[in-house]
Amino acid sequence: IMAHLGGNCYDGIPAIRDCENVWADISGSIFRADDLIYAVESIGADRILFGTDLPGSFVVNYGQVLEANISEDEKNKILYKNTLALFDRNFKIKR
């Protein structure tokens, strides 16, 4: 998992574009509004994970996903479905 969309998504995301086993998260510092759109357009919503790691960043990061001009399915993938799929695939979680 590449944290923080690679710090600067315009450098980080191209570096993992062809690495299908690398996922990116949106945790960390407050990112620019277009970063998430760029990441979805570049690697698809299936490889982006929701996350936060700064006090107060949860609301900002969550809001940026909710307000992004992407489909509801893409939002749900980013917010929780991708994490479930990743953990299922790698840790065989029983439900």
PDB file of N, CA and C in Angstrom:
ATOM      1  N   ILE A   1       0.852  -1.173   0.000  1.00  0.00           N
ATOM      2  CA  ILE A   1       0.000   0.000   0.000  1.00  0.00           C
ATOM      3  C   ILE A   1       0.899   1.239   0.000  1.00  0.00           C
ATOM      4  N   MET A   2       0.735   2.066  -1.017  1.00  0.00           N
ATOM      5  CA  MET A   2       1.472   3.320  -1.099  1.00  0.00           C
ATOM      6  C   MET A   2       0.637   4.380  -0.378  1.00  0.00           C
ATOM      7  N   ALA A   3       1.182   4.895   0.713  1.00  0.00           N
ATOM      8  CA  ALA A   3       0.450   5.855   1.534  1.00  0.00           C
ATOM      9  C   ALA A   3       0.371   7.226   0.875  1.00  0.00           C
ATOM     10  N   HIS A   4      -0.669   7.957   1.244  1.00  0.00           N
ATOM     11  CA  HIS A   4      -0.816   9.378   0.902  1.00  0.00           C
ATOM     12  C   HIS A   4      -0.840   9.654  -0.599  1.00  0.00           C
ATOM     13  N   LEU A   5      -1.320   8.702  -1.394  1.00  0.00           N
ATOM     14  CA  LEU A   5      -1.294   8.833  -2.854  1.00  0.00           C
ATOM     15  C   LEU A   5       0.122   9.140  -3.348  1.00  0.00           C
ATOM     16  N   GLY A   6       1.104   8.674  -2.596  1.00  0.00           N
ATOM     17  CA  GLY A   6       2.492   8.888  -2.976  1.00  0.00           C
ATOM     18  C   GLY A   6       3.047  10.242  -2.575  1.00  0.00           C
ATOM     19  N   GLY A   7       2.345  10.958  -1.706  1.00  0.00           N
ATOM     20  CA  GLY A   7       2.799  12.288  -1.282  1.00  0.00           C
ATOM     21  C   GLY A   7       2.349  13.350  -2.261  1.00  0.00           C
ATOM     22  N   ASN A   8       2.757  13.251  -3.472  1.00  0.00           N
ATOM     23  CA  ASN A   8       2.272  14.085  -4.572  1.00  0.00           C
ATOM     24  C   ASN A   8       1.736  13.104  -5.596  1.00  0.00           C
ATOM     25  N   CYS A   9       0.433  13.061  -5.744  1.00  0.00           N
ATOM     26  CA  CYS A   9      -0.169  12.023  -6.591  1.00  0.00           C
ATOM     27  C   CYS A   9       0.321  12.083  -8.028  1.00  0.00           C
ATOM     28  N   TYR A  10       0.757  13.248  -8.486  1.00  0.00           N
ATOM     29  CA  TYR A  10       1.210  13.367  -9.874  1.00  0.00           C
ATOM     30  C   TYR A  10       2.585  12.738 -10.090  1.00  0.00           C
ATOM     31  N   ASP A  11       3.286  12.443  -8.997  1.00  0.00           N
ATOM     32  CA  ASP A  11       4.524  11.664  -9.067  1.00  0.00           C
ATOM     33  C   ASP A  11       4.274  10.224  -8.631  1.00  0.00           C
ATOM     34  N   GLY A  12       3.504  10.050  -7.554  1.00  0.00           N
ATOM     35  CA  GLY A  12       3.296   8.726  -6.978  1.00  0.00           C
ATOM     36  C   GLY A  12       2.444   7.799  -7.817  1.00  0.00           C
ATOM     37  N   ILE A  13       1.325   8.287  -8.301  1.00  0.00           N
ATOM     38  CA  ILE A  13       0.401   7.437  -9.050  1.00  0.00           C
ATOM     39  C   ILE A  13       1.017   6.901 -10.346  1.00  0.00           C
ATOM     40  N   PRO A  14       1.708   7.708 -11.159  1.00  0.00           N
ATOM     41  CA  PRO A  14       2.338   7.139 -12.353  1.00  0.00           C
ATOM     42  C   PRO A  14       3.350   6.040 -12.025  1.00  0.00           C
ATOM     43  N   ALA A  15       3.997   6.146 -10.875  1.00  0.00           N
ATOM     44  CA  ALA A  15       5.007   5.147 -10.492  1.00  0.00           C
ATOM     45  C   ALA A  15       4.392   3.773 -10.236  1.00  0.00           C
ATOM     46  N   ILE A  16       3.108   3.731  -9.871  1.00  0.00           N
ATOM     47  CA  ILE A  16       2.470   2.433  -9.588  1.00  0.00           C
ATOM     48  C   ILE A  16       1.437   2.035 -10.635  1.00  0.00           C
ATOM     49  N   ARG A  17       1.274   2.837 -11.649  1.00  0.00           N
ATOM     50  CA  ARG A  17       0.223   2.600 -12.645  1.00  0.00           C
ATOM     51  C   ARG A  17       0.246   1.161 -13.175  1.00  0.00           C
ATOM     52  N   ASP A  18       1.390   0.632 -13.482  1.00  0.00           N
ATOM     53  CA  ASP A  18       1.491  -0.709 -14.052  1.00  0.00           C
ATOM     54  C   ASP A  18       1.752  -1.797 -13.014  1.00  0.00           C
ATOM     55  N   CYS A  19       1.739  -1.456 -11.758  1.00  0.00           N
ATOM     56  CA  CYS A  19       1.990  -2.414 -10.661  1.00  0.00           C
ATOM     57  C   CYS A  19       0.656  -2.791 -10.030  1.00  0.00           C
ATOM     58  N   GLU A  20      -0.014  -3.776 -10.583  1.00  0.00           N
ATOM     59  CA  GLU A  20      -1.362  -4.120 -10.151  1.00  0.00           C
ATOM     60  C   GLU A  20      -1.441  -4.618  -8.712  1.00  0.00           C
ATOM     61  N   ASN A  21      -0.305  -4.978  -8.127  1.00  0.00           N
ATOM     62  CA  ASN A  21      -0.311  -5.438  -6.733  1.00  0.00           C
ATOM     63  C   ASN A  21      -0.066  -4.303  -5.740  1.00  0.00           C
ATOM     64  N   VAL A  22       0.022  -3.068  -6.227  1.00  0.00           N
ATOM     65  CA  VAL A  22       0.230  -1.916  -5.353  1.00  0.00           C
ATOM     66  C   VAL A  22      -1.041  -1.084  -5.340  1.00  0.00           C
ATOM     67  N   TRP A  23      -1.500  -0.802  -4.131  1.00  0.00           N
ATOM     68  CA  TRP A  23      -2.690   0.011  -3.915  1.00  0.00           C
ATOM     69  C   TRP A  23      -2.241   1.336  -3.303  1.00  0.00           C
ATOM     70  N   ALA A  24      -3.062   2.364  -3.419  1.00  0.00           N
ATOM     71  CA  ALA A  24      -2.749   3.674  -2.841  1.00  0.00           C
ATOM     72  C   ALA A  24      -3.834   4.047  -1.840  1.00  0.00           C
ATOM     73  N   ASP A  25      -3.425   4.720  -0.764  1.00  0.00           N
ATOM     74  CA  ASP A  25      -4.443   5.222   0.160  1.00  0.00           C
ATOM     75  C   ASP A  25      -4.436   6.742   0.171  1.00  0.00           C
ATOM     76  N   ILE A  26      -5.539   7.292   0.664  1.00  0.00           N
ATOM     77  CA  ILE A  26      -5.680   8.749   0.700  1.00  0.00           C
ATOM     78  C   ILE A  26      -5.427   9.293   2.095  1.00  0.00           C
ATOM     79  N   SER A  27      -4.784   8.517   2.937  1.00  0.00           N
ATOM     80  CA  SER A  27      -4.544   8.963   4.308  1.00  0.00           C
ATOM     81  C   SER A  27      -3.540  10.103   4.347  1.00  0.00           C
ATOM     82  N   GLY A  28      -3.483  10.723   5.495  1.00  0.00           N
ATOM     83  CA  GLY A  28      -2.441  11.710   5.708  1.00  0.00           C
ATOM     84  C   GLY A  28      -2.902  13.124   5.526  1.00  0.00           C
ATOM     85  N   SER A  29      -2.013  13.907   4.986  1.00  0.00           N
ATOM     86  CA  SER A  29      -2.268  15.330   4.885  1.00  0.00           C
ATOM     87  C   SER A  29      -3.437  15.602   3.948  1.00  0.00           C
ATOM     88  N   ILE A  30      -3.992  16.754   4.111  1.00  0.00           N
ATOM     89  CA  ILE A  30      -5.119  17.156   3.284  1.00  0.00           C
ATOM     90  C   ILE A  30      -4.627  17.323   1.853  1.00  0.00           C
ATOM     91  N   PHE A  31      -5.225  16.579   0.966  1.00  0.00           N
ATOM     92  CA  PHE A  31      -4.791  16.631  -0.423  1.00  0.00           C
ATOM     93  C   PHE A  31      -5.685  17.565  -1.229  1.00  0.00           C
ATOM     94  N   ARG A  32      -5.225  17.896  -2.415  1.00  0.00           N
ATOM     95  CA  ARG A  32      -5.985  18.801  -3.288  1.00  0.00           C
ATOM     96  C   ARG A  32      -7.223  18.092  -3.820  1.00  0.00           C
ATOM     97  N   ALA A  33      -8.257  18.843  -4.107  1.00  0.00           N
ATOM     98  CA  ALA A  33      -9.536  18.277  -4.527  1.00  0.00           C
ATOM     99  C   ALA A  33      -9.410  17.407  -5.771  1.00  0.00           C
ATOM    100  N   ASP A  34      -8.529  17.773  -6.682  1.00  0.00           N
ATOM    101  CA  ASP A  34      -8.432  17.005  -7.925  1.00  0.00           C
ATOM    102  C   ASP A  34      -7.525  15.776  -7.814  1.00  0.00           C
ATOM    103  N   ASP A  35      -6.824  15.587  -6.698  1.00  0.00           N
ATOM    104  CA  ASP A  35      -5.941  14.435  -6.545  1.00  0.00           C
ATOM    105  C   ASP A  35      -6.694  13.114  -6.635  1.00  0.00           C
ATOM    106  N   LEU A  36      -7.833  13.024  -5.975  1.00  0.00           N
ATOM    107  CA  LEU A  36      -8.592  11.781  -5.985  1.00  0.00           C
ATOM    108  C   LEU A  36      -9.111  11.487  -7.389  1.00  0.00           C
ATOM    109  N   ILE A  37      -9.610  12.487  -8.070  1.00  0.00           N
ATOM    110  CA  ILE A  37     -10.090  12.298  -9.447  1.00  0.00           C
ATOM    111  C   ILE A  37      -8.951  11.811 -10.337  1.00  0.00           C
ATOM    112  N   TYR A  38      -7.789  12.441 -10.210  1.00  0.00           N
ATOM    113  CA  TYR A  38      -6.626  12.035 -10.999  1.00  0.00           C
ATOM    114  C   TYR A  38      -6.268  10.577 -10.720  1.00  0.00           C
ATOM    115  N   ALA A  39      -6.265  10.188  -9.455  1.00  0.00           N
ATOM    116  CA  ALA A  39      -5.922   8.817  -9.097  1.00  0.00           C
ATOM    117  C   ALA A  39      -6.930   7.827  -9.659  1.00  0.00           C
ATOM    118  N   VAL A  40      -8.211   8.137  -9.551  1.00  0.00           N
ATOM    119  CA  VAL A  40      -9.250   7.244 -10.088  1.00  0.00           C
ATOM    120  C   VAL A  40      -9.106   7.123 -11.598  1.00  0.00           C
ATOM    121  N   GLU A  41      -8.876   8.226 -12.279  1.00  0.00           N
ATOM    122  CA  GLU A  41      -8.713   8.189 -13.739  1.00  0.00           C
ATOM    123  C   GLU A  41      -7.453   7.431 -14.147  1.00  0.00           C
ATOM    124  N   SER A  42      -6.421   7.476 -13.314  1.00  0.00           N
ATOM    125  CA  SER A  42      -5.130   6.876 -13.670  1.00  0.00           C
ATOM    126  C   SER A  42      -5.029   5.387 -13.354  1.00  0.00           C
ATOM    127  N   ILE A  43      -5.499   4.987 -12.156  1.00  0.00           N
ATOM    128  CA  ILE A  43      -5.352   3.571 -11.770  1.00  0.00           C
ATOM    129  C   ILE A  43      -6.686   2.889 -11.483  1.00  0.00           C
ATOM    130  N   GLY A  44      -7.757   3.638 -11.530  1.00  0.00           N
ATOM    131  CA  GLY A  44      -9.068   3.070 -11.259  1.00  0.00           C
ATOM    132  C   GLY A  44      -9.384   3.086  -9.779  1.00  0.00           C
ATOM    133  N   ALA A  45     -10.659   3.125  -9.471  1.00  0.00           N
ATOM    134  CA  ALA A  45     -11.096   3.184  -8.077  1.00  0.00           C
ATOM    135  C   ALA A  45     -10.802   1.897  -7.318  1.00  0.00           C
ATOM    136  N   ASP A  46     -10.599   0.793  -8.026  1.00  0.00           N
ATOM    137  CA  ASP A  46     -10.382  -0.503  -7.376  1.00  0.00           C
ATOM    138  C   ASP A  46      -9.083  -0.594  -6.579  1.00  0.00           C
ATOM    139  N   ARG A  47      -8.151   0.312  -6.794  1.00  0.00           N
ATOM    140  CA  ARG A  47      -6.854   0.247  -6.106  1.00  0.00           C
ATOM    141  C   ARG A  47      -6.633   1.413  -5.158  1.00  0.00           C
ATOM    142  N   ILE A  48      -7.698   2.098  -4.781  1.00  0.00           N
ATOM    143  CA  ILE A  48      -7.580   3.241  -3.876  1.00  0.00           C
ATOM    144  C   ILE A  48      -8.306   2.912  -2.578  1.00  0.00           C
ATOM    145  N   LEU A  49      -7.619   3.154  -1.461  1.00  0.00           N
ATOM    146  CA  LEU A  49      -8.153   2.856  -0.132  1.00  0.00           C
ATOM    147  C   LEU A  49      -8.375   4.138   0.648  1.00  0.00           C
ATOM    148  N   PHE A  50      -9.435   4.158   1.433  1.00  0.00           N
ATOM    149  CA  PHE A  50      -9.691   5.291   2.316  1.00  0.00           C
ATOM    150  C   PHE A  50      -8.813   5.168   3.553  1.00  0.00           C
ATOM    151  N   GLY A  51      -8.367   6.286   4.056  1.00  0.00           N
ATOM    152  CA  GLY A  51      -7.617   6.286   5.299  1.00  0.00           C
ATOM    153  C   GLY A  51      -7.394   7.699   5.795  1.00  0.00           C
ATOM    154  N   THR A  52      -7.072   7.805   7.076  1.00  0.00           N
ATOM    155  CA  THR A  52      -6.706   9.079   7.683  1.00  0.00           C
ATOM    156  C   THR A  52      -5.621   8.799   8.714  1.00  0.00           C
ATOM    157  N   ASP A  53      -4.795   9.771   8.987  1.00  0.00           N
ATOM    158  CA  ASP A  53      -3.816   9.582  10.054  1.00  0.00           C
ATOM    159  C   ASP A  53      -3.396  10.872  10.735  1.00  0.00           C
ATOM    160  N   LEU A  54      -4.162  11.886  10.554  1.00  0.00           N
ATOM    161  CA  LEU A  54      -3.881  13.142  11.235  1.00  0.00           C
ATOM    162  C   LEU A  54      -5.105  13.548  12.045  1.00  0.00           C
ATOM    163  N   PRO A  55      -4.922  14.159  13.188  1.00  0.00           N
ATOM    164  CA  PRO A  55      -6.090  14.640  13.925  1.00  0.00           C
ATOM    165  C   PRO A  55      -6.915  15.583  13.046  1.00  0.00           C
ATOM    166  N   GLY A  56      -8.178  15.309  12.972  1.00  0.00           N
ATOM    167  CA  GLY A  56      -9.061  16.158  12.184  1.00  0.00           C
ATOM    168  C   GLY A  56      -9.129  15.829  10.706  1.00  0.00           C
ATOM    169  N   SER A  57      -8.270  14.943  10.222  1.00  0.00           N
ATOM    170  CA  SER A  57      -8.275  14.677   8.776  1.00  0.00           C
ATOM    171  C   SER A  57      -9.396  13.745   8.352  1.00  0.00           C
ATOM    172  N   PHE A  58      -9.996  13.000   9.287  1.00  0.00           N
ATOM    173  CA  PHE A  58     -11.062  12.077   8.904  1.00  0.00           C
ATOM    174  C   PHE A  58     -12.178  12.809   8.173  1.00  0.00           C
ATOM    175  N   VAL A  59     -12.669  13.878   8.770  1.00  0.00           N
ATOM    176  CA  VAL A  59     -13.797  14.604   8.183  1.00  0.00           C
ATOM    177  C   VAL A  59     -13.419  15.167   6.817  1.00  0.00           C
ATOM    178  N   VAL A  60     -12.219  15.703   6.700  1.00  0.00           N
ATOM    179  CA  VAL A  60     -11.777  16.279   5.432  1.00  0.00           C
ATOM    180  C   VAL A  60     -11.644  15.188   4.381  1.00  0.00           C
ATOM    181  N   ASN A  61     -10.960  14.089   4.701  1.00  0.00           N
ATOM    182  CA  ASN A  61     -10.766  13.014   3.724  1.00  0.00           C
ATOM    183  C   ASN A  61     -12.099  12.373   3.336  1.00  0.00           C
ATOM    184  N   TYR A  62     -12.950  12.141   4.316  1.00  0.00           N
ATOM    185  CA  TYR A  62     -14.261  11.557   4.052  1.00  0.00           C
ATOM    186  C   TYR A  62     -15.082  12.484   3.150  1.00  0.00           C
ATOM    187  N   GLY A  63     -15.057  13.766   3.466  1.00  0.00           N
ATOM    188  CA  GLY A  63     -15.785  14.745   2.659  1.00  0.00           C
ATOM    189  C   GLY A  63     -15.270  14.816   1.237  1.00  0.00           C
ATOM    190  N   GLN A  64     -13.962  14.692   1.059  1.00  0.00           N
ATOM    191  CA  GLN A  64     -13.409  14.758  -0.286  1.00  0.00           C
ATOM    192  C   GLN A  64     -13.859  13.561  -1.122  1.00  0.00           C
ATOM    193  N   VAL A  65     -14.009  12.416  -0.497  1.00  0.00           N
ATOM    194  CA  VAL A  65     -14.535  11.258  -1.235  1.00  0.00           C
ATOM    195  C   VAL A  65     -16.002  11.494  -1.573  1.00  0.00           C
ATOM    196  N   LEU A  66     -16.772  11.923  -0.590  1.00  0.00           N
ATOM    197  CA  LEU A  66     -18.202  12.145  -0.823  1.00  0.00           C
ATOM    198  C   LEU A  66     -18.461  13.203  -1.893  1.00  0.00           C
ATOM    199  N   GLU A  67     -17.629  14.235  -1.932  1.00  0.00           N
ATOM    200  CA  GLU A  67     -17.828  15.337  -2.873  1.00  0.00           C
ATOM    201  C   GLU A  67     -17.167  15.114  -4.231  1.00  0.00           C
ATOM    202  N   ALA A  68     -16.375  14.067  -4.367  1.00  0.00           N
ATOM    203  CA  ALA A  68     -15.671  13.819  -5.628  1.00  0.00           C
ATOM    204  C   ALA A  68     -16.662  13.520  -6.751  1.00  0.00           C
ATOM    205  N   ASN A  69     -16.329  13.941  -7.925  1.00  0.00           N
ATOM    206  CA  ASN A  69     -17.172  13.699  -9.104  1.00  0.00           C
ATOM    207  C   ASN A  69     -16.875  12.303  -9.656  1.00  0.00           C
ATOM    208  N   ILE A  70     -17.229  11.291  -8.852  1.00  0.00           N
ATOM    209  CA  ILE A  70     -17.091   9.888  -9.229  1.00  0.00           C
ATOM    210  C   ILE A  70     -18.396   9.195  -8.859  1.00  0.00           C
ATOM    211  N   SER A  71     -18.584   7.991  -9.371  1.00  0.00           N
ATOM    212  CA  SER A  71     -19.844   7.295  -9.132  1.00  0.00           C
ATOM    213  C   SER A  71     -19.975   6.856  -7.669  1.00  0.00           C
ATOM    214  N   GLU A  72     -21.202   6.575  -7.267  1.00  0.00           N
ATOM    215  CA  GLU A  72     -21.443   6.073  -5.911  1.00  0.00           C
ATOM    216  C   GLU A  72     -20.713   4.743  -5.704  1.00  0.00           C
ATOM    217  N   ASP A  73     -20.672   3.912  -6.725  1.00  0.00           N
ATOM    218  CA  ASP A  73     -19.949   2.638  -6.614  1.00  0.00           C
ATOM    219  C   ASP A  73     -18.464   2.874  -6.378  1.00  0.00           C
ATOM    220  N   GLU A  74     -17.876   3.827  -7.091  1.00  0.00           N
ATOM    221  CA  GLU A  74     -16.457   4.149  -6.893  1.00  0.00           C
ATOM    222  C   GLU A  74     -16.225   4.688  -5.489  1.00  0.00           C
ATOM    223  N   LYS A  75     -17.129   5.520  -5.006  1.00  0.00           N
ATOM    224  CA  LYS A  75     -17.002   6.047  -3.640  1.00  0.00           C
ATOM    225  C   LYS A  75     -17.041   4.914  -2.625  1.00  0.00           C
ATOM    226  N   ASN A  76     -17.979   3.988  -2.782  1.00  0.00           N
ATOM    227  CA  ASN A  76     -18.083   2.862  -1.851  1.00  0.00           C
ATOM    228  C   ASN A  76     -16.869   1.955  -1.923  1.00  0.00           C
ATOM    229  N   LYS A  77     -16.311   1.769  -3.108  1.00  0.00           N
ATOM    230  CA  LYS A  77     -15.074   0.987  -3.233  1.00  0.00           C
ATOM    231  C   LYS A  77     -13.962   1.647  -2.423  1.00  0.00           C
ATOM    232  N   ILE A  78     -13.806   2.943  -2.584  1.00  0.00           N
ATOM    233  CA  ILE A  78     -12.741   3.668  -1.893  1.00  0.00           C
ATOM    234  C   ILE A  78     -12.981   3.677  -0.382  1.00  0.00           C
ATOM    235  N   LEU A  79     -14.204   3.913   0.025  1.00  0.00           N
ATOM    236  CA  LEU A  79     -14.500   4.043   1.456  1.00  0.00           C
ATOM    237  C   LEU A  79     -14.390   2.725   2.217  1.00  0.00           C
ATOM    238  N   TYR A  80     -14.776   1.588   1.612  1.00  0.00           N
ATOM    239  CA  TYR A  80     -14.702   0.345   2.381  1.00  0.00           C
ATOM    240  C   TYR A  80     -14.582  -0.941   1.565  1.00  0.00           C
ATOM    241  N   LYS A  81     -15.157  -1.001   0.390  1.00  0.00           N
ATOM    242  CA  LYS A  81     -15.162  -2.270  -0.347  1.00  0.00           C
ATOM    243  C   LYS A  81     -13.763  -2.739  -0.741  1.00  0.00           C
ATOM    244  N   ASN A  82     -12.898  -1.805  -1.135  1.00  0.00           N
ATOM    245  CA  ASN A  82     -11.543  -2.187  -1.530  1.00  0.00           C
ATOM    246  C   ASN A  82     -10.749  -2.756  -0.361  1.00  0.00           C
ATOM    247  N   THR A  83     -10.919  -2.183   0.820  1.00  0.00           N
ATOM    248  CA  THR A  83     -10.217  -2.694   2.001  1.00  0.00           C
ATOM    249  C   THR A  83     -10.675  -4.110   2.317  1.00  0.00           C
ATOM    250  N   LEU A  84     -11.974  -4.348   2.256  1.00  0.00           N
ATOM    251  CA  LEU A  84     -12.485  -5.700   2.482  1.00  0.00           C
ATOM    252  C   LEU A  84     -11.920  -6.677   1.459  1.00  0.00           C
ATOM    253  N   ALA A  85     -11.889  -6.273   0.193  1.00  0.00           N
ATOM    254  CA  ALA A  85     -11.364  -7.137  -0.859  1.00  0.00           C
ATOM    255  C   ALA A  85      -9.878  -7.415  -0.666  1.00  0.00           C
ATOM    256  N   LEU A  86      -9.114  -6.389  -0.320  1.00  0.00           N
ATOM    257  CA  LEU A  86      -7.675  -6.553  -0.108  1.00  0.00           C
ATOM    258  C   LEU A  86      -7.395  -7.489   1.059  1.00  0.00           C
ATOM    259  N   PHE A  87      -8.085  -7.292   2.172  1.00  0.00           N
ATOM    260  CA  PHE A  87      -7.881  -8.152   3.334  1.00  0.00           C
ATOM    261  C   PHE A  87      -8.365  -9.561   3.067  1.00  0.00           C
ATOM    262  N   ASP A  88      -9.468  -9.705   2.374  1.00  0.00           N
ATOM    263  CA  ASP A  88      -9.973 -11.029   2.017  1.00  0.00           C
ATOM    264  C   ASP A  88      -8.941 -11.792   1.187  1.00  0.00           C
ATOM    265  N   ARG A  89      -8.394 -11.109   0.195  1.00  0.00           N
ATOM    266  CA  ARG A  89      -7.447 -11.732  -0.733  1.00  0.00           C
ATOM    267  C   ARG A  89      -6.152 -12.132  -0.049  1.00  0.00           C
ATOM    268  N   ASN A  90      -5.685 -11.312   0.867  1.00  0.00           N
ATOM    269  CA  ASN A  90      -4.377 -11.540   1.468  1.00  0.00           C
ATOM    270  C   ASN A  90      -4.409 -12.206   2.829  1.00  0.00           C
ATOM    271  N   PHE A  91      -5.512 -12.111   3.530  1.00  0.00           N
ATOM    272  CA  PHE A  91      -5.568 -12.661   4.875  1.00  0.00           C
ATOM    273  C   PHE A  91      -6.676 -13.673   5.072  1.00  0.00           C
ATOM    274  N   LYS A  92      -7.433 -13.941   4.012  1.00  0.00           N
ATOM    275  CA  LYS A  92      -8.511 -14.934   4.044  1.00  0.00           C
ATOM    276  C   LYS A  92      -9.411 -14.749   5.268  1.00  0.00           C
ATOM    277  N   ILE A  93      -9.950 -13.563   5.397  1.00  0.00           N
ATOM    278  CA  ILE A  93     -10.791 -13.232   6.542  1.00  0.00           C
ATOM    279  C   ILE A  93     -12.104 -13.978   6.451  1.00  0.00           C
ATOM    280  N   LYS A  94     -12.489 -14.599   7.535  1.00  0.00           N
ATOM    281  CA  LYS A  94     -13.766 -15.302   7.621  1.00  0.00           C
ATOM    282  C   LYS A  94     -14.841 -14.306   8.025  1.00  0.00           C
ATOM    283  N   ARG A  95     -15.989 -14.400   7.364  1.00  0.00           N
ATOM    284  CA  ARG A  95     -17.102 -13.524   7.714  1.00  0.00           C
ATOM    285  C   ARG A  95     -18.238 -14.337   8.248  1.00  0.00           C
TER     286      ARG A  95
END
